[in-house]
Amino acid sequence: MLEKFEGRVQPGGVLIYDGYGIINPPTREDIKGYRIDAMDAANEMNNAKAFNMIVLGGLLKLRPVVKIESVLKGLKKTLPERHHHLLPMNEAAILKGMELIREQ
């Protein structure tokens, strides 16, 4: 399945993938492949919805295009107040992703 996306990455680009179910990691020499075990981490957090934030954390470690504080501020602004109790979990997921990502 990863082969489907590997061909779409431009030379010099980055491919971030979850290791769950991936038998063959990226093979191209002209891109950087990074594995992040986001599915496992989300399960450990007992929240499958944390998956995307974990991957975002990995991306932000590689390419710090925005500060974590700005992401959280944006979430606080856009999430309904009844969901604000999820902000600490989202921050923890981002930090976990920054910790987990590794180059293949």
PDB file of N, CA and C in Angstrom:
ATOM      1  N   MET A   1       0.819  -1.202   0.000  1.00  0.00           N
ATOM      2  CA  MET A   1       0.000   0.000   0.000  1.00  0.00           C
ATOM      3  C   MET A   1       0.858   1.260   0.000  1.00  0.00           C
ATOM      4  N   LEU A   2       1.986   1.221   0.678  1.00  0.00           N
ATOM      5  CA  LEU A   2       2.863   2.384   0.738  1.00  0.00           C
ATOM      6  C   LEU A   2       3.378   2.759  -0.648  1.00  0.00           C
ATOM      7  N   GLU A   3       3.567   1.764  -1.506  1.00  0.00           N
ATOM      8  CA  GLU A   3       4.059   2.009  -2.859  1.00  0.00           C
ATOM      9  C   GLU A   3       3.141   2.973  -3.608  1.00  0.00           C
ATOM     10  N   LYS A   4       1.868   2.927  -3.284  1.00  0.00           N
ATOM     11  CA  LYS A   4       0.876   3.789  -3.920  1.00  0.00           C
ATOM     12  C   LYS A   4       1.210   5.263  -3.701  1.00  0.00           C
ATOM     13  N   PHE A   5       1.742   5.602  -2.529  1.00  0.00           N
ATOM     14  CA  PHE A   5       2.030   6.994  -2.196  1.00  0.00           C
ATOM     15  C   PHE A   5       3.481   7.371  -2.462  1.00  0.00           C
ATOM     16  N   GLU A   6       4.368   6.410  -2.388  1.00  0.00           N
ATOM     17  CA  GLU A   6       5.790   6.692  -2.567  1.00  0.00           C
ATOM     18  C   GLU A   6       6.059   7.351  -3.916  1.00  0.00           C
ATOM     19  N   GLY A   7       5.382   6.917  -4.949  1.00  0.00           N
ATOM     20  CA  GLY A   7       5.580   7.479  -6.277  1.00  0.00           C
ATOM     21  C   GLY A   7       5.107   8.912  -6.412  1.00  0.00           C
ATOM     22  N   ARG A   8       4.256   9.360  -5.516  1.00  0.00           N
ATOM     23  CA  ARG A   8       3.714  10.726  -5.584  1.00  0.00           C
ATOM     24  C   ARG A   8       4.613  11.761  -4.913  1.00  0.00           C
ATOM     25  N   VAL A   9       5.578  11.307  -4.130  1.00  0.00           N
ATOM     26  CA  VAL A   9       6.448  12.233  -3.406  1.00  0.00           C
ATOM     27  C   VAL A   9       7.505  12.762  -4.365  1.00  0.00           C
ATOM     28  N   GLN A  10       7.661  14.086  -4.384  1.00  0.00           N
ATOM     29  CA  GLN A  10       8.641  14.706  -5.262  1.00  0.00           C
ATOM     30  C   GLN A  10      10.048  14.438  -4.752  1.00  0.00           C
ATOM     31  N   PRO A  11      11.034  14.394  -5.659  1.00  0.00           N
ATOM     32  CA  PRO A  11      12.421  14.226  -5.223  1.00  0.00           C
ATOM     33  C   PRO A  11      12.786  15.275  -4.167  1.00  0.00           C
ATOM     34  N   GLY A  12      13.458  14.821  -3.123  1.00  0.00           N
ATOM     35  CA  GLY A  12      13.806  15.705  -2.014  1.00  0.00           C
ATOM     36  C   GLY A  12      12.706  15.812  -0.976  1.00  0.00           C
ATOM     37  N   GLY A  13      11.574  15.160  -1.228  1.00  0.00           N
ATOM     38  CA  GLY A  13      10.426  15.239  -0.335  1.00  0.00           C
ATOM     39  C   GLY A  13      10.517  14.280   0.836  1.00  0.00           C
ATOM     40  N   VAL A  14       9.490  14.326   1.653  1.00  0.00           N
ATOM     41  CA  VAL A  14       9.408  13.529   2.876  1.00  0.00           C
ATOM     42  C   VAL A  14       8.165  12.647   2.809  1.00  0.00           C
ATOM     43  N   LEU A  15       8.326  11.399   3.205  1.00  0.00           N
ATOM     44  CA  LEU A  15       7.207  10.463   3.295  1.00  0.00           C
ATOM     45  C   LEU A  15       7.128   9.965   4.732  1.00  0.00           C
ATOM     46  N   ILE A  16       6.046  10.304   5.409  1.00  0.00           N
ATOM     47  CA  ILE A  16       5.815   9.861   6.784  1.00  0.00           C
ATOM     48  C   ILE A  16       4.766   8.754   6.726  1.00  0.00           C
ATOM     49  N   TYR A  17       5.070   7.636   7.379  1.00  0.00           N
ATOM     50  CA  TYR A  17       4.122   6.526   7.347  1.00  0.00           C
ATOM     51  C   TYR A  17       4.052   5.842   8.702  1.00  0.00           C
ATOM     52  N   ASP A  18       2.894   5.292   8.979  1.00  0.00           N
ATOM     53  CA  ASP A  18       2.709   4.498  10.185  1.00  0.00           C
ATOM     54  C   ASP A  18       3.203   3.092   9.884  1.00  0.00           C
ATOM     55  N   GLY A  19       3.956   2.520  10.796  1.00  0.00           N
ATOM     56  CA  GLY A  19       4.536   1.208  10.567  1.00  0.00           C
ATOM     57  C   GLY A  19       3.550   0.063  10.625  1.00  0.00           C
ATOM     58  N   TYR A  20       2.340   0.315  11.110  1.00  0.00           N
ATOM     59  CA  TYR A  20       1.342  -0.745  11.256  1.00  0.00           C
ATOM     60  C   TYR A  20       0.992  -1.338   9.894  1.00  0.00           C
ATOM     61  N   GLY A  21       1.308  -2.595   9.704  1.00  0.00           N
ATOM     62  CA  GLY A  21       0.950  -3.283   8.475  1.00  0.00           C
ATOM     63  C   GLY A  21       1.867  -3.015   7.292  1.00  0.00           C
ATOM     64  N   ILE A  22       2.900  -2.217   7.472  1.00  0.00           N
ATOM     65  CA  ILE A  22       3.820  -1.915   6.377  1.00  0.00           C
ATOM     66  C   ILE A  22       4.947  -2.944   6.396  1.00  0.00           C
ATOM     67  N   ILE A  23       5.023  -3.721   5.355  1.00  0.00           N
ATOM     68  CA  ILE A  23       6.054  -4.753   5.269  1.00  0.00           C
ATOM     69  C   ILE A  23       7.315  -4.188   4.621  1.00  0.00           C
ATOM     70  N   ASN A  24       7.137  -3.408   3.558  1.00  0.00           N
ATOM     71  CA  ASN A  24       8.269  -2.838   2.834  1.00  0.00           C
ATOM     72  C   ASN A  24       8.323  -1.329   3.033  1.00  0.00           C
ATOM     73  N   PRO A  25       9.333  -0.828   3.741  1.00  0.00           N
ATOM     74  CA  PRO A  25       9.463   0.621   3.903  1.00  0.00           C
ATOM     75  C   PRO A  25       9.827   1.274   2.567  1.00  0.00           C
ATOM     76  N   PRO A  26       9.781   2.607   2.492  1.00  0.00           N
ATOM     77  CA  PRO A  26      10.114   3.291   1.238  1.00  0.00           C
ATOM     78  C   PRO A  26      11.508   2.883   0.752  1.00  0.00           C
ATOM     79  N   THR A  27      11.646   2.772  -0.561  1.00  0.00           N
ATOM     80  CA  THR A  27      12.920   2.336  -1.136  1.00  0.00           C
ATOM     81  C   THR A  27      13.608   3.411  -1.962  1.00  0.00           C
ATOM     82  N   ARG A  28      12.915   4.473  -2.279  1.00  0.00           N
ATOM     83  CA  ARG A  28      13.515   5.506  -3.124  1.00  0.00           C
ATOM     84  C   ARG A  28      14.665   6.186  -2.404  1.00  0.00           C
ATOM     85  N   GLU A  29      15.724   6.455  -3.157  1.00  0.00           N
ATOM     86  CA  GLU A  29      16.913   7.114  -2.610  1.00  0.00           C
ATOM     87  C   GLU A  29      16.777   8.636  -2.620  1.00  0.00           C
ATOM     88  N   ASP A  30      15.849   9.162  -3.410  1.00  0.00           N
ATOM     89  CA  ASP A  30      15.743  10.613  -3.570  1.00  0.00           C
ATOM     90  C   ASP A  30      14.709  11.253  -2.639  1.00  0.00           C
ATOM     91  N   ILE A  31      14.168  10.476  -1.705  1.00  0.00           N
ATOM     92  CA  ILE A  31      13.254  11.018  -0.696  1.00  0.00           C
ATOM     93  C   ILE A  31      13.681  10.505   0.671  1.00  0.00           C
ATOM     94  N   LYS A  32      13.185  11.161   1.705  1.00  0.00           N
ATOM     95  CA  LYS A  32      13.438  10.700   3.068  1.00  0.00           C
ATOM     96  C   LYS A  32      12.171  10.047   3.591  1.00  0.00           C
ATOM     97  N   GLY A  33      12.318   8.838   4.089  1.00  0.00           N
ATOM     98  CA  GLY A  33      11.193   8.121   4.670  1.00  0.00           C
ATOM     99  C   GLY A  33      11.286   8.129   6.182  1.00  0.00           C
ATOM    100  N   TYR A  34      10.178   8.414   6.838  1.00  0.00           N
ATOM    101  CA  TYR A  34      10.124   8.456   8.295  1.00  0.00           C
ATOM    102  C   TYR A  34       8.982   7.582   8.780  1.00  0.00           C
ATOM    103  N   ARG A  35       9.301   6.724   9.711  1.00  0.00           N
ATOM    104  CA  ARG A  35       8.289   5.855  10.316  1.00  0.00           C
ATOM    105  C   ARG A  35       7.839   6.461  11.639  1.00  0.00           C
ATOM    106  N   ILE A  36       6.544   6.379  11.869  1.00  0.00           N
ATOM    107  CA  ILE A  36       5.989   6.813  13.146  1.00  0.00           C
ATOM    108  C   ILE A  36       4.911   5.797  13.530  1.00  0.00           C
ATOM    109  N   ASP A  37       5.053   5.210  14.676  1.00  0.00           N
ATOM    110  CA  ASP A  37       4.094   4.197  15.124  1.00  0.00           C
ATOM    111  C   ASP A  37       2.907   4.868  15.820  1.00  0.00           C
ATOM    112  N   ALA A  38       2.186   5.643  15.034  1.00  0.00           N
ATOM    113  CA  ALA A  38       1.088   6.451  15.557  1.00  0.00           C
ATOM    114  C   ALA A  38      -0.111   5.611  15.983  1.00  0.00           C
ATOM    115  N   MET A  39      -0.390   4.550  15.266  1.00  0.00           N
ATOM    116  CA  MET A  39      -1.536   3.704  15.619  1.00  0.00           C
ATOM    117  C   MET A  39      -1.322   3.077  16.995  1.00  0.00           C
ATOM    118  N   ASP A  40      -0.121   2.544  17.208  1.00  0.00           N
ATOM    119  CA  ASP A  40       0.187   1.948  18.511  1.00  0.00           C
ATOM    120  C   ASP A  40       0.109   2.990  19.623  1.00  0.00           C
ATOM    121  N   ALA A  41       0.659   4.175  19.363  1.00  0.00           N
ATOM    122  CA  ALA A  41       0.654   5.234  20.374  1.00  0.00           C
ATOM    123  C   ALA A  41      -0.770   5.688  20.686  1.00  0.00           C
ATOM    124  N   ALA A  42      -1.602   5.818  19.657  1.00  0.00           N
ATOM    125  CA  ALA A  42      -2.998   6.217  19.872  1.00  0.00           C
ATOM    126  C   ALA A  42      -3.726   5.169  20.704  1.00  0.00           C
ATOM    127  N   ASN A  43      -3.454   3.898  20.435  1.00  0.00           N
ATOM    128  CA  ASN A  43      -4.064   2.828  21.227  1.00  0.00           C
ATOM    129  C   ASN A  43      -3.595   2.884  22.676  1.00  0.00           C
ATOM    130  N   GLU A  44      -2.307   3.186  22.883  1.00  0.00           N
ATOM    131  CA  GLU A  44      -1.786   3.319  24.247  1.00  0.00           C
ATOM    132  C   GLU A  44      -2.450   4.474  24.987  1.00  0.00           C
ATOM    133  N   MET A  45      -2.832   5.515  24.224  1.00  0.00           N
ATOM    134  CA  MET A  45      -3.513   6.664  24.816  1.00  0.00           C
ATOM    135  C   MET A  45      -5.008   6.396  24.975  1.00  0.00           C
ATOM    136  N   ASN A  46      -5.459   5.218  24.550  1.00  0.00           N
ATOM    137  CA  ASN A  46      -6.881   4.859  24.570  1.00  0.00           C
ATOM    138  C   ASN A  46      -7.739   5.852  23.799  1.00  0.00           C
ATOM    139  N   ASN A  47      -7.182   6.351  22.692  1.00  0.00           N
ATOM    140  CA  ASN A  47      -7.919   7.316  21.892  1.00  0.00           C
ATOM    141  C   ASN A  47      -7.452   7.228  20.439  1.00  0.00           C
ATOM    142  N   ALA A  48      -8.162   6.472  19.637  1.00  0.00           N
ATOM    143  CA  ALA A  48      -7.795   6.311  18.228  1.00  0.00           C
ATOM    144  C   ALA A  48      -7.797   7.639  17.489  1.00  0.00           C
ATOM    145  N   LYS A  49      -8.590   8.597  17.973  1.00  0.00           N
ATOM    146  CA  LYS A  49      -8.660   9.902  17.315  1.00  0.00           C
ATOM    147  C   LYS A  49      -7.375  10.709  17.489  1.00  0.00           C
ATOM    148  N   ALA A  50      -6.496  10.274  18.383  1.00  0.00           N
ATOM    149  CA  ALA A  50      -5.219  10.967  18.591  1.00  0.00           C
ATOM    150  C   ALA A  50      -4.242  10.695  17.454  1.00  0.00           C
ATOM    151  N   PHE A  51      -4.548   9.720  16.614  1.00  0.00           N
ATOM    152  CA  PHE A  51      -3.649   9.314  15.531  1.00  0.00           C
ATOM    153  C   PHE A  51      -3.156  10.508  14.712  1.00  0.00           C
ATOM    154  N   ASN A  52      -4.070  11.325  14.228  1.00  0.00           N
ATOM    155  CA  ASN A  52      -3.692  12.446  13.362  1.00  0.00           C
ATOM    156  C   ASN A  52      -2.814  13.459  14.083  1.00  0.00           C
ATOM    157  N   MET A  53      -3.083  13.699  15.350  1.00  0.00           N
ATOM    158  CA  MET A  53      -2.262  14.646  16.100  1.00  0.00           C
ATOM    159  C   MET A  53      -0.863  14.083  16.347  1.00  0.00           C
ATOM    160  N   ILE A  54      -0.759  12.792  16.519  1.00  0.00           N
ATOM    161  CA  ILE A  54       0.548  12.152  16.683  1.00  0.00           C
ATOM    162  C   ILE A  54       1.361  12.326  15.404  1.00  0.00           C
ATOM    163  N   VAL A  55       0.734  12.076  14.267  1.00  0.00           N
ATOM    164  CA  VAL A  55       1.420  12.254  12.987  1.00  0.00           C
ATOM    165  C   VAL A  55       1.784  13.723  12.783  1.00  0.00           C
ATOM    166  N   LEU A  56       0.890  14.626  13.146  1.00  0.00           N
ATOM    167  CA  LEU A  56       1.188  16.053  13.051  1.00  0.00           C
ATOM    168  C   LEU A  56       2.419  16.398  13.879  1.00  0.00           C
ATOM    169  N   GLY A  57       2.527  15.833  15.072  1.00  0.00           N
ATOM    170  CA  GLY A  57       3.706  16.069  15.905  1.00  0.00           C
ATOM    171  C   GLY A  57       4.980  15.618  15.220  1.00  0.00           C
ATOM    172  N   GLY A  58       4.929  14.465  14.568  1.00  0.00           N
ATOM    173  CA  GLY A  58       6.093  13.993  13.820  1.00  0.00           C
ATOM    174  C   GLY A  58       6.461  14.945  12.698  1.00  0.00           C
ATOM    175  N   LEU A  59       5.458  15.409  11.970  1.00  0.00           N
ATOM    176  CA  LEU A  59       5.698  16.363  10.890  1.00  0.00           C
ATOM    177  C   LEU A  59       6.311  17.651  11.426  1.00  0.00           C
ATOM    178  N   LEU A  60       5.772  18.151  12.540  1.00  0.00           N
ATOM    179  CA  LEU A  60       6.275  19.404  13.100  1.00  0.00           C
ATOM    180  C   LEU A  60       7.704  19.276  13.616  1.00  0.00           C
ATOM    181  N   LYS A  61       8.098  18.082  14.004  1.00  0.00           N
ATOM    182  CA  LYS A  61       9.492  17.887  14.404  1.00  0.00           C
ATOM    183  C   LYS A  61      10.407  17.997  13.187  1.00  0.00           C
ATOM    184  N   LEU A  62       9.964  17.434  12.069  1.00  0.00           N
ATOM    185  CA  LEU A  62      10.769  17.456  10.847  1.00  0.00           C
ATOM    186  C   LEU A  62      10.742  18.808  10.157  1.00  0.00           C
ATOM    187  N   ARG A  63       9.573  19.383  10.118  1.00  0.00           N
ATOM    188  CA  ARG A  63       9.352  20.658   9.425  1.00  0.00           C
ATOM    189  C   ARG A  63       8.562  21.582  10.347  1.00  0.00           C
ATOM    190  N   PRO A  64       9.235  22.324  11.206  1.00  0.00           N
ATOM    191  CA  PRO A  64       8.519  23.174  12.176  1.00  0.00           C
ATOM    192  C   PRO A  64       7.890  24.410  11.516  1.00  0.00           C
ATOM    193  N   VAL A  65       6.876  24.168  10.706  1.00  0.00           N
ATOM    194  CA  VAL A  65       6.216  25.238   9.965  1.00  0.00           C
ATOM    195  C   VAL A  65       5.276  26.062  10.838  1.00  0.00           C
ATOM    196  N   VAL A  66       4.908  25.522  11.986  1.00  0.00           N
ATOM    197  CA  VAL A  66       4.034  26.229  12.922  1.00  0.00           C
ATOM    198  C   VAL A  66       4.384  25.754  14.331  1.00  0.00           C
ATOM    199  N   LYS A  67       4.228  26.631  15.297  1.00  0.00           N
ATOM    200  CA  LYS A  67       4.513  26.275  16.685  1.00  0.00           C
ATOM    201  C   LYS A  67       3.354  25.464  17.269  1.00  0.00           C
ATOM    202  N   ILE A  68       3.690  24.581  18.182  1.00  0.00           N
ATOM    203  CA  ILE A  68       2.654  23.780  18.845  1.00  0.00           C
ATOM    204  C   ILE A  68       1.633  24.697  19.508  1.00  0.00           C
ATOM    205  N   GLU A  69       2.116  25.764  20.099  1.00  0.00           N
ATOM    206  CA  GLU A  69       1.220  26.703  20.777  1.00  0.00           C
ATOM    207  C   GLU A  69       0.184  27.266  19.807  1.00  0.00           C
ATOM    208  N   SER A  70       0.614  27.511  18.567  1.00  0.00           N
ATOM    209  CA  SER A  70      -0.312  28.034  17.557  1.00  0.00           C
ATOM    210  C   SER A  70      -1.354  26.989  17.167  1.00  0.00           C
ATOM    211  N   VAL A  71      -0.936  25.731  17.084  1.00  0.00           N
ATOM    212  CA  VAL A  71      -1.879  24.652  16.782  1.00  0.00           C
ATOM    213  C   VAL A  71      -2.928  24.569  17.883  1.00  0.00           C
ATOM    214  N   LEU A  72      -2.466  24.590  19.129  1.00  0.00           N
ATOM    215  CA  LEU A  72      -3.393  24.494  20.263  1.00  0.00           C
ATOM    216  C   LEU A  72      -4.310  25.712  20.338  1.00  0.00           C
ATOM    217  N   LYS A  73      -3.759  26.869  20.040  1.00  0.00           N
ATOM    218  CA  LYS A  73      -4.578  28.088  20.029  1.00  0.00           C
ATOM    219  C   LYS A  73      -5.659  27.977  18.947  1.00  0.00           C
ATOM    220  N   GLY A  74      -5.277  27.451  17.787  1.00  0.00           N
ATOM    221  CA  GLY A  74      -6.244  27.252  16.708  1.00  0.00           C
ATOM    222  C   GLY A  74      -7.321  26.251  17.086  1.00  0.00           C
ATOM    223  N   LEU A  75      -6.910  25.170  17.750  1.00  0.00           N
ATOM    224  CA  LEU A  75      -7.893  24.183  18.206  1.00  0.00           C
ATOM    225  C   LEU A  75      -8.863  24.801  19.201  1.00  0.00           C
ATOM    226  N   LYS A  76      -8.311  25.560  20.129  1.00  0.00           N
ATOM    227  CA  LYS A  76      -9.163  26.181  21.151  1.00  0.00           C
ATOM    228  C   LYS A  76     -10.168  27.132  20.511  1.00  0.00           C
ATOM    229  N   LYS A  77      -9.717  27.814  19.467  1.00  0.00           N
ATOM    230  CA  LYS A  77     -10.582  28.779  18.795  1.00  0.00           C
ATOM    231  C   LYS A  77     -11.663  28.091  17.952  1.00  0.00           C
ATOM    232  N   THR A  78     -11.327  26.948  17.344  1.00  0.00           N
ATOM    233  CA  THR A  78     -12.269  26.322  16.417  1.00  0.00           C
ATOM    234  C   THR A  78     -13.121  25.220  17.041  1.00  0.00           C
ATOM    235  N   LEU A  79     -12.599  24.568  18.076  1.00  0.00           N
ATOM    236  CA  LEU A  79     -13.385  23.515  18.730  1.00  0.00           C
ATOM    237  C   LEU A  79     -14.490  24.128  19.584  1.00  0.00           C
ATOM    238  N   PRO A  80     -15.654  23.529  19.579  1.00  0.00           N
ATOM    239  CA  PRO A  80     -16.690  23.990  20.505  1.00  0.00           C
ATOM    240  C   PRO A  80     -16.175  23.855  21.944  1.00  0.00           C
ATOM    241  N   GLU A  81     -16.610  24.737  22.797  1.00  0.00           N
ATOM    242  CA  GLU A  81     -16.124  24.754  24.181  1.00  0.00           C
ATOM    243  C   GLU A  81     -16.329  23.413  24.888  1.00  0.00           C
ATOM    244  N   ARG A  82     -17.359  22.695  24.517  1.00  0.00           N
ATOM    245  CA  ARG A  82     -17.608  21.403  25.170  1.00  0.00           C
ATOM    246  C   ARG A  82     -16.487  20.394  24.896  1.00  0.00           C
ATOM    247  N   HIS A  83     -15.637  20.673  23.897  1.00  0.00           N
ATOM    248  CA  HIS A  83     -14.521  19.784  23.569  1.00  0.00           C
ATOM    249  C   HIS A  83     -13.169  20.308  24.067  1.00  0.00           C
ATOM    250  N   HIS A  84     -13.170  21.423  24.751  1.00  0.00           N
ATOM    251  CA  HIS A  84     -11.905  22.007  25.220  1.00  0.00           C
ATOM    252  C   HIS A  84     -11.175  21.104  26.211  1.00  0.00           C
ATOM    253  N   HIS A  85     -11.891  20.197  26.835  1.00  0.00           N
ATOM    254  CA  HIS A  85     -11.228  19.264  27.756  1.00  0.00           C
ATOM    255  C   HIS A  85     -10.275  18.322  27.010  1.00  0.00           C
ATOM    256  N   LEU A  86     -10.376  18.274  25.681  1.00  0.00           N
ATOM    257  CA  LEU A  86      -9.505  17.426  24.865  1.00  0.00           C
ATOM    258  C   LEU A  86      -8.185  18.101  24.499  1.00  0.00           C
ATOM    259  N   LEU A  87      -8.053  19.381  24.783  1.00  0.00           N
ATOM    260  CA  LEU A  87      -6.834  20.103  24.415  1.00  0.00           C
ATOM    261  C   LEU A  87      -5.575  19.493  25.031  1.00  0.00           C
ATOM    262  N   PRO A  88      -5.564  19.142  26.316  1.00  0.00           N
ATOM    263  CA  PRO A  88      -4.355  18.516  26.873  1.00  0.00           C
ATOM    264  C   PRO A  88      -4.005  17.190  26.188  1.00  0.00           C
ATOM    265  N   MET A  89      -5.011  16.410  25.823  1.00  0.00           N
ATOM    266  CA  MET A  89      -4.758  15.157  25.123  1.00  0.00           C
ATOM    267  C   MET A  89      -4.147  15.430  23.754  1.00  0.00           C
ATOM    268  N   ASN A  90      -4.637  16.449  23.070  1.00  0.00           N
ATOM    269  CA  ASN A  90      -4.088  16.801  21.764  1.00  0.00           C
ATOM    270  C   ASN A  90      -2.635  17.245  21.882  1.00  0.00           C
ATOM    271  N   GLU A  91      -2.341  18.029  22.895  1.00  0.00           N
ATOM    272  CA  GLU A  91      -0.956  18.465  23.109  1.00  0.00           C
ATOM    273  C   GLU A  91      -0.062  17.261  23.405  1.00  0.00           C
ATOM    274  N   ALA A  92      -0.531  16.355  24.245  1.00  0.00           N
ATOM    275  CA  ALA A  92       0.246  15.151  24.565  1.00  0.00           C
ATOM    276  C   ALA A  92       0.478  14.312  23.308  1.00  0.00           C
ATOM    277  N   ALA A  93      -0.516  14.236  22.436  1.00  0.00           N
ATOM    278  CA  ALA A  93      -0.381  13.461  21.199  1.00  0.00           C
ATOM    279  C   ALA A  93       0.656  14.090  20.273  1.00  0.00           C
ATOM    280  N   ILE A  94       0.651  15.405  20.162  1.00  0.00           N
ATOM    281  CA  ILE A  94       1.644  16.093  19.333  1.00  0.00           C
ATOM    282  C   ILE A  94       3.049  15.829  19.869  1.00  0.00           C
ATOM    283  N   LEU A  95       3.220  15.963  21.166  1.00  0.00           N
ATOM    284  CA  LEU A  95       4.532  15.723  21.775  1.00  0.00           C
ATOM    285  C   LEU A  95       4.963  14.268  21.602  1.00  0.00           C
ATOM    286  N   LYS A  96       4.025  13.353  21.693  1.00  0.00           N
ATOM    287  CA  LYS A  96       4.332  11.932  21.498  1.00  0.00           C
ATOM    288  C   LYS A  96       4.817  11.687  20.070  1.00  0.00           C
ATOM    289  N   GLY A  97       4.181  12.316  19.115  1.00  0.00           N
ATOM    290  CA  GLY A  97       4.604  12.181  17.722  1.00  0.00           C
ATOM    291  C   GLY A  97       6.002  12.716  17.490  1.00  0.00           C
ATOM    292  N   MET A  98       6.327  13.820  18.147  1.00  0.00           N
ATOM    293  CA  MET A  98       7.675  14.385  18.029  1.00  0.00           C
ATOM    294  C   MET A  98       8.716  13.420  18.591  1.00  0.00           C
ATOM    295  N   GLU A  99       8.314  12.695  19.588  1.00  0.00           N
ATOM    296  CA  GLU A  99       9.206  11.724  20.232  1.00  0.00           C
ATOM    297  C   GLU A  99       9.370  10.455  19.386  1.00  0.00           C
ATOM    298  N   LEU A 100       8.318  10.029  18.727  1.00  0.00           N
ATOM    299  CA  LEU A 100       8.303   8.732  18.049  1.00  0.00           C
ATOM    300  C   LEU A 100       8.896   8.706  16.648  1.00  0.00           C
ATOM    301  N   ILE A 101       8.843   9.805  15.939  1.00  0.00           N
ATOM    302  CA  ILE A 101       9.223   9.765  14.519  1.00  0.00           C
ATOM    303  C   ILE A 101      10.705   9.434  14.372  1.00  0.00           C
ATOM    304  N   ARG A 102      10.985   8.565  13.399  1.00  0.00           N
ATOM    305  CA  ARG A 102      12.383   8.203  13.164  1.00  0.00           C
ATOM    306  C   ARG A 102      12.611   7.926  11.683  1.00  0.00           C
ATOM    307  N   GLU A 103      13.805   8.264  11.250  1.00  0.00           N
ATOM    308  CA  GLU A 103      14.163   8.079   9.838  1.00  0.00           C
ATOM    309  C   GLU A 103      14.404   6.605   9.550  1.00  0.00           C
ATOM    310  N   GLN A 104      13.975   6.184   8.380  1.00  0.00           N
ATOM    311  CA  GLN A 104      14.201   4.802   7.941  1.00  0.00           C
ATOM    312  C   GLN A 104      15.513   4.695   7.233  1.00  0.00           C
TER     313      GLN A 104
END
